């Protein structure tokens, strides 16, 4: 069995996928790389096949009809032979020295008494045009260099949460919890780091800047104007997260800290949906914003109250044009501080 499976979802990625794959080959024979060609129309399939031919014991090429990012991740989970599972997007890459530390730790954990469910590490925003890159760290929120449970998790800052770039899951956990991301939908990475959490018992935080998250490519899904044009998909994922919390109330009762973390994460996603709808600016956008909040209220009044009347919920629902201007300005400050979009 391989130590780690890395799935690389690719769609028309010919211009940058090689940098990503080359950075991951440094893991050697302990790593399985699944290059998932999601119905690309350029040379992606050809490049994937070349790597599979050159590194037959490490790389596998999976070719499938186009189904979107979630569909490619699903294919990776289904085909994974590694003990642990990681997703690396084809326009991102990893830093070799930190990668080797990650693999060393996973090797230790694989033979340990306690089963490791989730490994967390830092990621770096590689933002085009920025001289200094923002690093997302978790030192203040998570114990370092030890196995811990939800009980030891401290408070996350507002606007900070564990992203797909930060995590490596135990493969069987993903398979057994029945995670199935929706097809032909953007922003499903939020579900990837949300739905497995009630199944996570043991965690480990390694404070290394492992994952390099590239922002600035034209047509990238996190570009603000593109997010506004795809707002229905953002809302769909937002509602799925609400549904998950409501439908799994009993499971979430097991840990107050886990439930609080998931509620705070949902609050951030709902804030992003709200601000994008405010930025969209049309009557249709503003009606969709009202409908989203009505949906949450109808699903669970207690959850609605927590989201709506917290700092973020209040700031997204200030009345009138003036209120919306204040909401946007607050969002801009957060953008400058957290370096997203």
C-alpha atoms as a PDB file:
ATOM      1  CA  UNK A   1       0.000   0.000   0.000  1.00  0.00           C
ATOM      2  CA  UNK A   2       1.182   3.547  -0.764  1.00  0.00           C
ATOM      3  CA  UNK A   3       1.570   6.021   2.081  1.00  0.00           C
ATOM      4  CA  UNK A   4      -0.148   8.957   0.353  1.00  0.00           C
ATOM      5  CA  UNK A   5      -2.446   9.390  -2.628  1.00  0.00           C
ATOM      6  CA  UNK A   6      -2.404  12.843  -4.203  1.00  0.00           C
ATOM      7  CA  UNK A   7      -5.239  13.586  -6.607  1.00  0.00           C
ATOM      8  CA  UNK A   8      -4.611  16.322  -9.175  1.00  0.00           C
ATOM      9  CA  UNK A   9      -7.885  17.428 -10.827  1.00  0.00           C
ATOM     10  CA  UNK A  10      -7.077  18.790 -14.297  1.00  0.00           C
ATOM     11  CA  UNK A  11      -9.256  20.604 -16.793  1.00  0.00           C
ATOM     12  CA  UNK A  12      -7.469  22.272 -19.737  1.00  0.00           C
ATOM     13  CA  UNK A  13      -4.377  22.518 -17.539  1.00  0.00           C
ATOM     14  CA  UNK A  14      -1.657  22.078 -20.184  1.00  0.00           C
ATOM     15  CA  UNK A  15       0.008  25.428 -19.374  1.00  0.00           C
ATOM     16  CA  UNK A  16       0.719  24.791 -15.682  1.00  0.00           C
ATOM     17  CA  UNK A  17       0.079  21.169 -14.660  1.00  0.00           C
ATOM     18  CA  UNK A  18       3.707  20.071 -15.176  1.00  0.00           C
ATOM     19  CA  UNK A  19       4.972  22.425 -12.458  1.00  0.00           C
ATOM     20  CA  UNK A  20       2.416  20.910 -10.085  1.00  0.00           C
ATOM     21  CA  UNK A  21       3.199  17.283 -10.973  1.00  0.00           C
ATOM     22  CA  UNK A  22       6.986  17.806 -10.890  1.00  0.00           C
ATOM     23  CA  UNK A  23       6.756  19.255  -7.369  1.00  0.00           C
ATOM     24  CA  UNK A  24       4.844  16.148  -6.210  1.00  0.00           C
ATOM     25  CA  UNK A  25       7.177  13.606  -7.843  1.00  0.00           C
ATOM     26  CA  UNK A  26       9.724  14.523  -5.159  1.00  0.00           C
ATOM     27  CA  UNK A  27       7.749  12.234  -2.826  1.00  0.00           C
ATOM     28  CA  UNK A  28       9.073   9.185  -4.670  1.00  0.00           C
ATOM     29  CA  UNK A  29       7.670   5.666  -4.468  1.00  0.00           C
ATOM     30  CA  UNK A  30       5.718   6.207  -1.241  1.00  0.00           C
ATOM     31  CA  UNK A  31       3.328   8.496  -3.080  1.00  0.00           C
ATOM     32  CA  UNK A  32       0.653   7.695  -5.648  1.00  0.00           C
ATOM     33  CA  UNK A  33      -0.226  10.548  -8.012  1.00  0.00           C
ATOM     34  CA  UNK A  34      -3.652  10.338  -9.658  1.00  0.00           C
ATOM     35  CA  UNK A  35      -3.873  12.831 -12.526  1.00  0.00           C
ATOM     36  CA  UNK A  36      -7.593  13.139 -13.223  1.00  0.00           C
ATOM     37  CA  UNK A  37      -8.236  14.532 -16.699  1.00  0.00           C
ATOM     38  CA  UNK A  38     -11.775  15.898 -16.403  1.00  0.00           C
ATOM     39  CA  UNK A  39     -12.719  15.863 -20.093  1.00  0.00           C
ATOM     40  CA  UNK A  40     -10.075  18.404 -21.140  1.00  0.00           C
ATOM     41  CA  UNK A  41     -10.015  19.730 -24.694  1.00  0.00           C
ATOM     42  CA  UNK A  42      -6.332  20.711 -24.805  1.00  0.00           C
ATOM     43  CA  UNK A  43      -3.156  18.599 -24.306  1.00  0.00           C
ATOM     44  CA  UNK A  44      -3.935  17.728 -20.660  1.00  0.00           C
ATOM     45  CA  UNK A  45      -4.736  14.067 -21.434  1.00  0.00           C
ATOM     46  CA  UNK A  46      -1.553  13.660 -23.479  1.00  0.00           C
ATOM     47  CA  UNK A  47       0.604  15.194 -20.698  1.00  0.00           C
ATOM     48  CA  UNK A  48      -1.077  12.965 -18.075  1.00  0.00           C
ATOM     49  CA  UNK A  49      -0.398   9.844 -20.180  1.00  0.00           C
ATOM     50  CA  UNK A  50       3.245  10.862 -20.676  1.00  0.00           C
ATOM     51  CA  UNK A  51       3.810  11.141 -16.905  1.00  0.00           C
ATOM     52  CA  UNK A  52       2.036   7.791 -16.363  1.00  0.00           C
ATOM     53  CA  UNK A  53       4.335   6.174 -18.952  1.00  0.00           C
ATOM     54  CA  UNK A  54       7.496   7.800 -17.514  1.00  0.00           C
ATOM     55  CA  UNK A  55       6.643   7.020 -13.859  1.00  0.00           C
ATOM     56  CA  UNK A  56       4.462   3.878 -14.030  1.00  0.00           C
ATOM     57  CA  UNK A  57       4.907   2.955 -10.353  1.00  0.00           C
ATOM     58  CA  UNK A  58       3.950   6.461  -9.142  1.00  0.00           C
ATOM     59  CA  UNK A  59       1.588   8.124 -11.628  1.00  0.00           C
ATOM     60  CA  UNK A  60      -1.796   6.965 -12.877  1.00  0.00           C
ATOM     61  CA  UNK A  61      -3.814   8.899 -15.450  1.00  0.00           C
ATOM     62  CA  UNK A  62      -7.597   8.796 -15.078  1.00  0.00           C
ATOM     63  CA  UNK A  63      -9.628  10.053 -18.048  1.00  0.00           C
ATOM     64  CA  UNK A  64     -13.290  10.872 -17.583  1.00  0.00           C
ATOM     65  CA  UNK A  65     -16.084  12.952 -19.039  1.00  0.00           C
ATOM     66  CA  UNK A  66     -16.243  16.518 -17.810  1.00  0.00           C
ATOM     67  CA  UNK A  67     -18.001  16.655 -14.435  1.00  0.00           C
ATOM     68  CA  UNK A  68     -16.248  19.505 -12.645  1.00  0.00           C
ATOM     69  CA  UNK A  69     -13.803  19.722  -9.750  1.00  0.00           C
ATOM     70  CA  UNK A  70     -15.956  17.709  -7.329  1.00  0.00           C
ATOM     71  CA  UNK A  71     -16.346  14.902  -9.825  1.00  0.00           C
ATOM     72  CA  UNK A  72     -12.551  14.724 -10.279  1.00  0.00           C
ATOM     73  CA  UNK A  73     -12.012  14.601  -6.502  1.00  0.00           C
ATOM     74  CA  UNK A  74     -14.650  11.843  -6.244  1.00  0.00           C
ATOM     75  CA  UNK A  75     -12.745   9.837  -8.874  1.00  0.00           C
ATOM     76  CA  UNK A  76      -9.567  10.305  -6.824  1.00  0.00           C
ATOM     77  CA  UNK A  77     -11.209   9.055  -3.610  1.00  0.00           C
ATOM     78  CA  UNK A  78     -12.686   6.027  -5.409  1.00  0.00           C
ATOM     79  CA  UNK A  79      -9.337   5.038  -6.955  1.00  0.00           C
ATOM     80  CA  UNK A  80      -7.011   5.926  -4.070  1.00  0.00           C
ATOM     81  CA  UNK A  81      -4.622   3.206  -2.899  1.00  0.00           C
ATOM     82  CA  UNK A  82      -2.794   5.366  -0.353  1.00  0.00           C
ATOM     83  CA  UNK A  83      -3.305   5.288   3.407  1.00  0.00           C
ATOM     84  CA  UNK A  84      -3.756   9.087   3.352  1.00  0.00           C
ATOM     85  CA  UNK A  85      -5.374  11.371   0.767  1.00  0.00           C
ATOM     86  CA  UNK A  86      -4.547  14.866  -0.489  1.00  0.00           C
ATOM     87  CA  UNK A  87      -5.943  17.080  -3.277  1.00  0.00           C
ATOM     88  CA  UNK A  88      -3.557  19.443  -5.075  1.00  0.00           C
ATOM     89  CA  UNK A  89      -5.098  21.621  -7.778  1.00  0.00           C
ATOM     90  CA  UNK A  90      -3.243  21.617 -11.095  1.00  0.00           C
ATOM     91  CA  UNK A  91      -2.290  25.316 -10.930  1.00  0.00           C
ATOM     92  CA  UNK A  92      -0.837  24.981  -7.424  1.00  0.00           C
ATOM     93  CA  UNK A  93       2.297  23.210  -6.208  1.00  0.00           C
ATOM     94  CA  UNK A  94       4.080  22.066  -3.029  1.00  0.00           C
ATOM     95  CA  UNK A  95       7.431  22.993  -1.508  1.00  0.00           C
ATOM     96  CA  UNK A  96       9.787  20.023  -1.597  1.00  0.00           C
ATOM     97  CA  UNK A  97      11.527  20.428   1.798  1.00  0.00           C
ATOM     98  CA  UNK A  98       8.195  20.728   3.605  1.00  0.00           C
ATOM     99  CA  UNK A  99       6.688  17.912   1.535  1.00  0.00           C
ATOM    100  CA  UNK A 100       9.402  15.531   2.752  1.00  0.00           C
ATOM    101  CA  UNK A 101       8.674  16.535   6.374  1.00  0.00           C
ATOM    102  CA  UNK A 102       4.986  15.789   5.793  1.00  0.00           C
ATOM    103  CA  UNK A 103       5.783  12.337   4.390  1.00  0.00           C
ATOM    104  CA  UNK A 104       8.158  11.586   7.277  1.00  0.00           C
ATOM    105  CA  UNK A 105       5.411  12.432   9.767  1.00  0.00           C
ATOM    106  CA  UNK A 106       2.773  10.385   7.911  1.00  0.00           C
ATOM    107  CA  UNK A 107       5.162   7.409   8.010  1.00  0.00           C
ATOM    108  CA  UNK A 108       5.522   7.790  11.775  1.00  0.00           C
ATOM    109  CA  UNK A 109       1.764   8.117  12.241  1.00  0.00           C
ATOM    110  CA  UNK A 110       1.018   5.093  10.037  1.00  0.00           C
ATOM    111  CA  UNK A 111       2.727   2.826  12.573  1.00  0.00           C
ATOM    112  CA  UNK A 112       1.520   4.653  15.683  1.00  0.00           C
ATOM    113  CA  UNK A 113      -0.893   3.521  18.386  1.00  0.00           C
ATOM    114  CA  UNK A 114      -3.449   6.212  17.580  1.00  0.00           C
ATOM    115  CA  UNK A 115      -5.112   6.420  14.156  1.00  0.00           C
ATOM    116  CA  UNK A 116      -4.491   9.794  12.513  1.00  0.00           C
ATOM    117  CA  UNK A 117      -7.630  11.096  10.780  1.00  0.00           C
ATOM    118  CA  UNK A 118      -6.520  14.542   9.612  1.00  0.00           C
ATOM    119  CA  UNK A 119      -3.141  16.230   9.201  1.00  0.00           C
ATOM    120  CA  UNK A 120      -3.165  20.030   8.996  1.00  0.00           C
ATOM    121  CA  UNK A 121      -0.335  22.191   7.646  1.00  0.00           C
ATOM    122  CA  UNK A 122       0.063  25.785   6.454  1.00  0.00           C
ATOM    123  CA  UNK A 123      -0.511  27.101   2.961  1.00  0.00           C
ATOM    124  CA  UNK A 124       0.886  30.152   1.201  1.00  0.00           C
ATOM    125  CA  UNK A 125      -1.134  32.516  -1.003  1.00  0.00           C
ATOM    126  CA  UNK A 126       1.069  32.839  -4.092  1.00  0.00           C
ATOM    127  CA  UNK A 127      -0.716  35.954  -5.324  1.00  0.00           C
ATOM    128  CA  UNK A 128       0.344  37.369  -8.674  1.00  0.00           C
ATOM    129  CA  UNK A 129       1.910  40.823  -8.332  1.00  0.00           C
ATOM    130  CA  UNK A 130       2.364  40.597  -4.538  1.00  0.00           C
ATOM    131  CA  UNK A 131       5.913  41.021  -3.206  1.00  0.00           C
ATOM    132  CA  UNK A 132       5.107  39.438   0.148  1.00  0.00           C
ATOM    133  CA  UNK A 133       2.939  36.341   0.264  1.00  0.00           C
ATOM    134  CA  UNK A 134       0.411  35.770   3.024  1.00  0.00           C
ATOM    135  CA  UNK A 135       0.829  32.521   4.965  1.00  0.00           C
ATOM    136  CA  UNK A 136      -2.212  30.882   6.534  1.00  0.00           C
ATOM    137  CA  UNK A 137      -1.016  29.416   9.848  1.00  0.00           C
ATOM    138  CA  UNK A 138      -2.904  27.811  12.726  1.00  0.00           C
ATOM    139  CA  UNK A 139      -0.442  28.207  15.647  1.00  0.00           C
ATOM    140  CA  UNK A 140      -2.845  30.109  17.892  1.00  0.00           C
ATOM    141  CA  UNK A 141      -5.739  27.670  17.281  1.00  0.00           C
ATOM    142  CA  UNK A 142      -4.130  24.217  17.231  1.00  0.00           C
ATOM    143  CA  UNK A 143      -1.574  22.394  19.397  1.00  0.00           C
ATOM    144  CA  UNK A 144       1.674  21.785  17.537  1.00  0.00           C
ATOM    145  CA  UNK A 145       3.640  18.589  17.027  1.00  0.00           C
ATOM    146  CA  UNK A 146       1.275  16.259  18.876  1.00  0.00           C
ATOM    147  CA  UNK A 147      -1.866  14.246  18.244  1.00  0.00           C
ATOM    148  CA  UNK A 148      -4.912  16.095  19.587  1.00  0.00           C
ATOM    149  CA  UNK A 149      -8.713  15.904  19.524  1.00  0.00           C
ATOM    150  CA  UNK A 150     -11.439  18.542  19.160  1.00  0.00           C
ATOM    151  CA  UNK A 151     -11.268  19.123  22.920  1.00  0.00           C
ATOM    152  CA  UNK A 152      -7.799  20.665  22.567  1.00  0.00           C
ATOM    153  CA  UNK A 153      -8.735  22.959  19.661  1.00  0.00           C
ATOM    154  CA  UNK A 154      -8.604  26.639  20.615  1.00  0.00           C
ATOM    155  CA  UNK A 155     -10.362  29.622  19.021  1.00  0.00           C
ATOM    156  CA  UNK A 156      -9.926  30.379  15.305  1.00  0.00           C
ATOM    157  CA  UNK A 157      -9.754  34.024  14.215  1.00  0.00           C
ATOM    158  CA  UNK A 158     -12.704  35.388  12.240  1.00  0.00           C
ATOM    159  CA  UNK A 159     -12.086  34.766   8.553  1.00  0.00           C
ATOM    160  CA  UNK A 160      -9.731  31.869   9.227  1.00  0.00           C
ATOM    161  CA  UNK A 161     -10.564  28.246   8.699  1.00  0.00           C
ATOM    162  CA  UNK A 162      -9.066  24.996   7.445  1.00  0.00           C
ATOM    163  CA  UNK A 163      -9.130  24.889   3.647  1.00  0.00           C
ATOM    164  CA  UNK A 164      -8.593  22.024   1.234  1.00  0.00           C
ATOM    165  CA  UNK A 165      -5.000  23.274   0.832  1.00  0.00           C
ATOM    166  CA  UNK A 166      -4.380  22.705   4.561  1.00  0.00           C
ATOM    167  CA  UNK A 167      -5.541  19.114   4.967  1.00  0.00           C
ATOM    168  CA  UNK A 168      -4.559  15.532   4.399  1.00  0.00           C
ATOM    169  CA  UNK A 169      -7.280  13.054   5.398  1.00  0.00           C
ATOM    170  CA  UNK A 170      -7.101   9.358   6.157  1.00  0.00           C
ATOM    171  CA  UNK A 171      -8.380   7.804   2.927  1.00  0.00           C
ATOM    172  CA  UNK A 172     -10.670   5.243   4.585  1.00  0.00           C
ATOM    173  CA  UNK A 173     -12.336   8.009   6.598  1.00  0.00           C
ATOM    174  CA  UNK A 174     -13.344   9.773   3.363  1.00  0.00           C
ATOM    175  CA  UNK A 175     -14.569   6.520   1.861  1.00  0.00           C
ATOM    176  CA  UNK A 176     -16.457   5.398   4.980  1.00  0.00           C
ATOM    177  CA  UNK A 177     -18.146   8.742   5.693  1.00  0.00           C
ATOM    178  CA  UNK A 178     -19.672   8.532   2.202  1.00  0.00           C
ATOM    179  CA  UNK A 179     -18.344  11.889   0.987  1.00  0.00           C
ATOM    180  CA  UNK A 180     -19.647  12.503  -2.534  1.00  0.00           C
ATOM    181  CA  UNK A 181     -19.108  15.993  -3.927  1.00  0.00           C
ATOM    182  CA  UNK A 182     -21.714  17.365  -6.356  1.00  0.00           C
ATOM    183  CA  UNK A 183     -20.803  17.323 -10.050  1.00  0.00           C
ATOM    184  CA  UNK A 184     -20.674  20.346 -12.369  1.00  0.00           C
ATOM    185  CA  UNK A 185     -20.492  22.679  -9.380  1.00  0.00           C
ATOM    186  CA  UNK A 186     -17.777  25.125  -8.336  1.00  0.00           C
ATOM    187  CA  UNK A 187     -16.710  25.818  -4.715  1.00  0.00           C
ATOM    188  CA  UNK A 188     -17.224  22.204  -3.576  1.00  0.00           C
ATOM    189  CA  UNK A 189     -13.849  22.317  -1.787  1.00  0.00           C
ATOM    190  CA  UNK A 190     -15.835  23.875   1.083  1.00  0.00           C
ATOM    191  CA  UNK A 191     -17.816  20.635   1.372  1.00  0.00           C
ATOM    192  CA  UNK A 192     -14.605  18.573   1.194  1.00  0.00           C
ATOM    193  CA  UNK A 193     -13.294  20.181   4.405  1.00  0.00           C
ATOM    194  CA  UNK A 194     -16.700  20.343   6.106  1.00  0.00           C
ATOM    195  CA  UNK A 195     -18.651  17.105   5.770  1.00  0.00           C
ATOM    196  CA  UNK A 196     -15.887  14.726   7.002  1.00  0.00           C
ATOM    197  CA  UNK A 197     -15.300  16.696  10.238  1.00  0.00           C
ATOM    198  CA  UNK A 198     -17.784  14.821  12.477  1.00  0.00           C
ATOM    199  CA  UNK A 199     -15.840  11.633  11.645  1.00  0.00           C
ATOM    200  CA  UNK A 200     -12.464  13.149  12.567  1.00  0.00           C
ATOM    201  CA  UNK A 201     -11.197  12.139  16.012  1.00  0.00           C
ATOM    202  CA  UNK A 202      -7.405  12.480  15.989  1.00  0.00           C
ATOM    203  CA  UNK A 203      -5.619  15.408  14.360  1.00  0.00           C
ATOM    204  CA  UNK A 204      -2.039  16.644  14.040  1.00  0.00           C
ATOM    205  CA  UNK A 205      -0.816  20.123  13.100  1.00  0.00           C
ATOM    206  CA  UNK A 206       2.585  20.367  11.433  1.00  0.00           C
ATOM    207  CA  UNK A 207       3.620  24.021  11.272  1.00  0.00           C
ATOM    208  CA  UNK A 208       5.253  23.997   7.810  1.00  0.00           C
ATOM    209  CA  UNK A 209       4.458  26.093   4.706  1.00  0.00           C
ATOM    210  CA  UNK A 210       3.737  23.097   2.507  1.00  0.00           C
ATOM    211  CA  UNK A 211       1.080  24.047  -0.061  1.00  0.00           C
ATOM    212  CA  UNK A 212       1.460  26.940  -2.516  1.00  0.00           C
ATOM    213  CA  UNK A 213      -1.959  28.278  -3.515  1.00  0.00           C
ATOM    214  CA  UNK A 214      -1.712  30.302  -6.719  1.00  0.00           C
ATOM    215  CA  UNK A 215      -4.085  33.258  -7.124  1.00  0.00           C
ATOM    216  CA  UNK A 216      -4.169  35.509 -10.156  1.00  0.00           C
ATOM    217  CA  UNK A 217      -4.682  33.256 -13.164  1.00  0.00           C
ATOM    218  CA  UNK A 218      -7.231  34.671 -15.607  1.00  0.00           C
ATOM    219  CA  UNK A 219     -10.525  32.796 -15.397  1.00  0.00           C
ATOM    220  CA  UNK A 220      -9.746  31.404 -11.933  1.00  0.00           C
ATOM    221  CA  UNK A 221     -12.867  30.401  -9.992  1.00  0.00           C
ATOM    222  CA  UNK A 222     -11.966  32.552  -6.954  1.00  0.00           C
ATOM    223  CA  UNK A 223     -11.767  35.741  -9.039  1.00  0.00           C
ATOM    224  CA  UNK A 224     -14.488  38.020  -7.630  1.00  0.00           C
ATOM    225  CA  UNK A 225     -16.244  38.879 -10.910  1.00  0.00           C
ATOM    226  CA  UNK A 226     -16.276  35.179 -11.855  1.00  0.00           C
ATOM    227  CA  UNK A 227     -17.666  34.276  -8.421  1.00  0.00           C
ATOM    228  CA  UNK A 228     -20.491  36.789  -8.939  1.00  0.00           C
ATOM    229  CA  UNK A 229     -21.252  35.309 -12.373  1.00  0.00           C
ATOM    230  CA  UNK A 230     -21.383  31.834 -10.747  1.00  0.00           C
ATOM    231  CA  UNK A 231     -23.263  32.974  -7.654  1.00  0.00           C
ATOM    232  CA  UNK A 232     -25.937  30.281  -8.001  1.00  0.00           C
ATOM    233  CA  UNK A 233     -23.248  27.631  -7.483  1.00  0.00           C
ATOM    234  CA  UNK A 234     -21.892  29.436  -4.420  1.00  0.00           C
ATOM    235  CA  UNK A 235     -25.456  29.552  -3.017  1.00  0.00           C
ATOM    236  CA  UNK A 236     -25.973  25.856  -3.825  1.00  0.00           C
ATOM    237  CA  UNK A 237     -22.869  24.874  -1.808  1.00  0.00           C
ATOM    238  CA  UNK A 238     -23.873  27.290   0.979  1.00  0.00           C
ATOM    239  CA  UNK A 239     -27.317  25.630   1.245  1.00  0.00           C
ATOM    240  CA  UNK A 240     -25.780  22.140   1.168  1.00  0.00           C
ATOM    241  CA  UNK A 241     -23.637  23.111   4.171  1.00  0.00           C
ATOM    242  CA  UNK A 242     -26.753  24.353   5.986  1.00  0.00           C
ATOM    243  CA  UNK A 243     -28.579  21.106   5.128  1.00  0.00           C
ATOM    244  CA  UNK A 244     -25.657  19.027   6.373  1.00  0.00           C
ATOM    245  CA  UNK A 245     -25.611  20.764   9.752  1.00  0.00           C
ATOM    246  CA  UNK A 246     -29.375  20.449  10.158  1.00  0.00           C
ATOM    247  CA  UNK A 247     -29.517  16.795   9.059  1.00  0.00           C
ATOM    248  CA  UNK A 248     -26.564  15.759  11.256  1.00  0.00           C
ATOM    249  CA  UNK A 249     -27.565  17.528  14.466  1.00  0.00           C
ATOM    250  CA  UNK A 250     -27.215  14.363  16.539  1.00  0.00           C
ATOM    251  CA  UNK A 251     -23.735  13.618  15.208  1.00  0.00           C
ATOM    252  CA  UNK A 252     -22.619  17.198  15.865  1.00  0.00           C
ATOM    253  CA  UNK A 253     -23.704  16.968  19.514  1.00  0.00           C
ATOM    254  CA  UNK A 254     -20.649  14.810  20.165  1.00  0.00           C
ATOM    255  CA  UNK A 255     -18.307  17.802  20.374  1.00  0.00           C
ATOM    256  CA  UNK A 256     -19.199  21.403  21.195  1.00  0.00           C
ATOM    257  CA  UNK A 257     -15.883  22.680  19.802  1.00  0.00           C
ATOM    258  CA  UNK A 258     -16.340  20.873  16.510  1.00  0.00           C
ATOM    259  CA  UNK A 259     -19.910  22.172  16.216  1.00  0.00           C
ATOM    260  CA  UNK A 260     -18.751  25.734  16.959  1.00  0.00           C
ATOM    261  CA  UNK A 261     -15.979  25.462  14.380  1.00  0.00           C
ATOM    262  CA  UNK A 262     -18.419  24.204  11.722  1.00  0.00           C
ATOM    263  CA  UNK A 263     -20.939  26.936  12.576  1.00  0.00           C
ATOM    264  CA  UNK A 264     -18.214  29.592  12.285  1.00  0.00           C
ATOM    265  CA  UNK A 265     -17.127  28.156   8.946  1.00  0.00           C
ATOM    266  CA  UNK A 266     -20.723  28.227   7.713  1.00  0.00           C
ATOM    267  CA  UNK A 267     -20.962  31.835   8.927  1.00  0.00           C
ATOM    268  CA  UNK A 268     -17.972  32.799   6.774  1.00  0.00           C
ATOM    269  CA  UNK A 269     -19.341  31.037   3.683  1.00  0.00           C
ATOM    270  CA  UNK A 270     -22.744  32.726   4.185  1.00  0.00           C
ATOM    271  CA  UNK A 271     -20.961  36.074   4.560  1.00  0.00           C
ATOM    272  CA  UNK A 272     -19.102  35.490   1.272  1.00  0.00           C
ATOM    273  CA  UNK A 273     -22.397  34.592  -0.469  1.00  0.00           C
ATOM    274  CA  UNK A 274     -24.072  37.706   0.973  1.00  0.00           C
ATOM    275  CA  UNK A 275     -21.312  40.134   0.044  1.00  0.00           C
ATOM    276  CA  UNK A 276     -21.055  38.759  -3.505  1.00  0.00           C
ATOM    277  CA  UNK A 277     -24.812  39.234  -3.903  1.00  0.00           C
ATOM    278  CA  UNK A 278     -24.487  42.804  -2.580  1.00  0.00           C
ATOM    279  CA  UNK A 279     -21.572  43.374  -4.998  1.00  0.00           C
ATOM    280  CA  UNK A 280     -23.715  41.959  -7.828  1.00  0.00           C
ATOM    281  CA  UNK A 281     -25.970  44.905  -7.121  1.00  0.00           C
ATOM    282  CA  UNK A 282     -29.040  44.073  -9.194  1.00  0.00           C
ATOM    283  CA  UNK A 283     -32.537  43.609  -7.765  1.00  0.00           C
ATOM    284  CA  UNK A 284     -32.240  39.926  -8.654  1.00  0.00           C
ATOM    285  CA  UNK A 285     -29.025  39.609  -6.647  1.00  0.00           C
ATOM    286  CA  UNK A 286     -30.543  41.344  -3.624  1.00  0.00           C
ATOM    287  CA  UNK A 287     -33.616  39.106  -3.805  1.00  0.00           C
ATOM    288  CA  UNK A 288     -31.358  36.017  -3.893  1.00  0.00           C
ATOM    289  CA  UNK A 289     -29.634  37.288  -0.755  1.00  0.00           C
ATOM    290  CA  UNK A 290     -32.978  37.612   1.054  1.00  0.00           C
ATOM    291  CA  UNK A 291     -33.982  34.148  -0.179  1.00  0.00           C
ATOM    292  CA  UNK A 292     -30.746  32.589   1.162  1.00  0.00           C
ATOM    293  CA  UNK A 293     -31.362  33.998   4.643  1.00  0.00           C
ATOM    294  CA  UNK A 294     -35.022  32.903   4.484  1.00  0.00           C
ATOM    295  CA  UNK A 295     -33.852  29.397   3.556  1.00  0.00           C
ATOM    296  CA  UNK A 296     -31.591  29.210   6.632  1.00  0.00           C
ATOM    297  CA  UNK A 297     -34.368  30.534   8.894  1.00  0.00           C
ATOM    298  CA  UNK A 298     -36.836  27.975   7.556  1.00  0.00           C
ATOM    299  CA  UNK A 299     -34.333  25.122   7.957  1.00  0.00           C
ATOM    300  CA  UNK A 300     -33.295  25.876  11.534  1.00  0.00           C
ATOM    301  CA  UNK A 301     -34.282  28.965  13.509  1.00  0.00           C
ATOM    302  CA  UNK A 302     -31.534  28.519  16.108  1.00  0.00           C
ATOM    303  CA  UNK A 303     -28.824  28.221  13.442  1.00  0.00           C
ATOM    304  CA  UNK A 304     -30.322  31.232  11.646  1.00  0.00           C
ATOM    305  CA  UNK A 305     -30.211  33.332  14.840  1.00  0.00           C
ATOM    306  CA  UNK A 306     -26.558  32.389  15.402  1.00  0.00           C
ATOM    307  CA  UNK A 307     -25.576  33.305  11.824  1.00  0.00           C
ATOM    308  CA  UNK A 308     -27.813  36.341  11.355  1.00  0.00           C
ATOM    309  CA  UNK A 309     -27.128  38.155  14.625  1.00  0.00           C
ATOM    310  CA  UNK A 310     -23.397  37.560  14.945  1.00  0.00           C
ATOM    311  CA  UNK A 311     -20.919  40.291  13.919  1.00  0.00           C
ATOM    312  CA  UNK A 312     -20.667  39.062  10.315  1.00  0.00           C
ATOM    313  CA  UNK A 313     -24.391  38.429   9.859  1.00  0.00           C
ATOM    314  CA  UNK A 314     -25.255  41.889  11.168  1.00  0.00           C
ATOM    315  CA  UNK A 315     -22.655  43.567   8.963  1.00  0.00           C
ATOM    316  CA  UNK A 316     -24.045  41.808   5.847  1.00  0.00           C
ATOM    317  CA  UNK A 317     -27.625  42.862   6.536  1.00  0.00           C
ATOM    318  CA  UNK A 318     -27.380  46.597   7.187  1.00  0.00           C
ATOM    319  CA  UNK A 319     -30.439  48.364   5.733  1.00  0.00           C
ATOM    320  CA  UNK A 320     -30.532  50.384   2.488  1.00  0.00           C
ATOM    321  CA  UNK A 321     -27.887  51.515   0.014  1.00  0.00           C
ATOM    322  CA  UNK A 322     -25.799  53.120   2.754  1.00  0.00           C
ATOM    323  CA  UNK A 323     -25.763  49.866   4.708  1.00  0.00           C
ATOM    324  CA  UNK A 324     -24.641  47.947   1.642  1.00  0.00           C
ATOM    325  CA  UNK A 325     -21.779  50.420   1.082  1.00  0.00           C
ATOM    326  CA  UNK A 326     -20.594  49.862   4.668  1.00  0.00           C
ATOM    327  CA  UNK A 327     -20.795  46.064   4.161  1.00  0.00           C
ATOM    328  CA  UNK A 328     -18.661  46.313   1.000  1.00  0.00           C
ATOM    329  CA  UNK A 329     -16.072  48.522   2.720  1.00  0.00           C
ATOM    330  CA  UNK A 330     -15.804  46.021   5.575  1.00  0.00           C
ATOM    331  CA  UNK A 331     -15.319  43.254   3.037  1.00  0.00           C
ATOM    332  CA  UNK A 332     -12.573  45.251   1.290  1.00  0.00           C
ATOM    333  CA  UNK A 333     -10.685  45.621   4.583  1.00  0.00           C
ATOM    334  CA  UNK A 334     -10.915  41.847   5.105  1.00  0.00           C
ATOM    335  CA  UNK A 335      -9.656  41.262   1.550  1.00  0.00           C
ATOM    336  CA  UNK A 336      -6.602  43.442   2.168  1.00  0.00           C
ATOM    337  CA  UNK A 337      -5.877  41.726   5.474  1.00  0.00           C
ATOM    338  CA  UNK A 338      -6.496  38.088   4.495  1.00  0.00           C
ATOM    339  CA  UNK A 339      -5.255  38.474   0.877  1.00  0.00           C
ATOM    340  CA  UNK A 340      -8.063  36.402  -0.654  1.00  0.00           C
ATOM    341  CA  UNK A 341      -9.591  37.022  -4.131  1.00  0.00           C
END
